[in-house]
Structure formats: structure tokens, C-alpha cells
Amino acid sequence: MLVLDKPSGLLAVPGRGADKQDCLSARVQARYADALVVHRLDMATSGLMVMARGLAAQRALNRAFAAREVTKRYVAVVAGRLEAPPGGWGTIDLPIAVDWPNRPRRTIDHRLGKSSLTRWRVLAIDETGTCTRVDLEPVTGRSHQLRVHLRELGHPILGDTLYAPPDVQARAGRLLLHACGLHVAHPLTGEAWRLKAGHRSDERSSRQATGSVRFCDQLQEFLPGSVVVAKSPQHH
């Protein structure tokens, strides 16, 4: 299994067209010929991805993702003051479907949408009250799920060119959404691995967007762009 830290702006897998062939999976496969895709991140999202080494590992990881045995954690900065829900964690349970006339956008569709569930909690609120840093756990894994759910909550992610209004888009130089954690069993040994990734430095986006609330303060014990692997005897 390969543990990777994808930068924002790089495709996770190839797209359509010759200009969309440079991507994380192609770069990795140029070095590791047996590397196989298991999951993906949006082009604009940064952070943790894993790839399998060989078919057996890919099958095991695909089963784990499909069975929701992999816990994924993200951190985001959203527009406005988002108050913490009672008990600390809130849920967003809204079905998501492709917005066919406006692809690649997604939309909430209570008739045709697929069940989509996100857990969230507040980490910090900027002293000016203009943005909030949130911890996110997508229970399901729909395309653009976190971006759509936060927009529906009334707090789009800063820098989101698909789902935020122009003034919120302009507040960051990139989408402020980072995949900071994965809890996954090793596909061959079954060991529980807890993976954490610090945020890649982007001082311009961080200063422009958040003022005193830094994008990924809860990972400050890790170096920017680093990946930390911790093994434990049981799943978390």
C-alpha cells in the first residue's frame, strides 16, 4: 500500500483529453508499476490518498471502502460563523445527485439523489466571525459531498469555484479543503493504520482567508506536507 499526499490542483486520476493525463496516479505508476487506484480526491482538494500495490491489495482496499470500514477525516475553512451543534458533532443527511445541465456540479435531490451523510464539528471561529474551521467526516463517499453539504448548511468552503458565491470564492487562492486523516486496515496484514497529513504551506491563501485562524492548526505538531503513519492493534 502506498500513502500519498496530493497537492491541490493536481488530478487524482486521468481525465478526458490529452491535457488531463498528468495526475497523481500516473506519476506514482511511473515509479511503482503495480500501483492501482482505490479512491480519489477532487482536483481542488489536497491531502491523503492511498494506492494499492497489486490486485490482491486493491481488492482488499476496495472491499474496505465499499463496506465503509475506512474512516476519512477532512478539515475545511467555511464562510461565516458556524456555531457548534449540541454534543459537539452535527450531521448533514441530504441526498446528492448529478446536476446534469451543470456538470460536473452536484445538487441535492430528494427524489433521485443517493443517500449522503456527513459528520461535522467546529474547531475554531475566526476572531472577526467571518469564517470557521471545521472537522469533517464523510460517512458516505459521494462526489463533491463535503462541498455540497456545507453549501446547503449555508457555509460554503472558501475558494470553492463550483459551489461558493463569487465573494467567498475570492477569499482564498484555492479550495480550503484538506484530507487530513485516514484510518484503514493494511490490505495484507489487517493491521489498523492511522494516517495523518499536515497541510501543505500556502501562506497567501491562509492569510487571505482566515486571519488568525490558521487552516490546519490541529495538525501543527506535524511538519507541513508530512505524512504520519501510526499502527494500532485495532480500528479507530
Foldseek 3Di string as FASTA:
>chain_A
DDKDKFAAQFFQAADPDPVRHGHDQVVVCVVQVQWAAQDGDPNQETTIDDTARHDLQSVLSNVCLVVLVKKWKKKFKWFFADDFDPPFKDKQWFFKDQPVVDPPDIATDPPPGDTWMKMKGWDDAFPVRGMTMMMIITSHDDVCRVQHRCVVVVIGTALDPRRDPPVSVVQFPTGLMYGAWMFDQRSPPRWTKIKGAAAADDPRRQCSHGPPDGSCVVVVVDDHGDMDIDTDRDTD
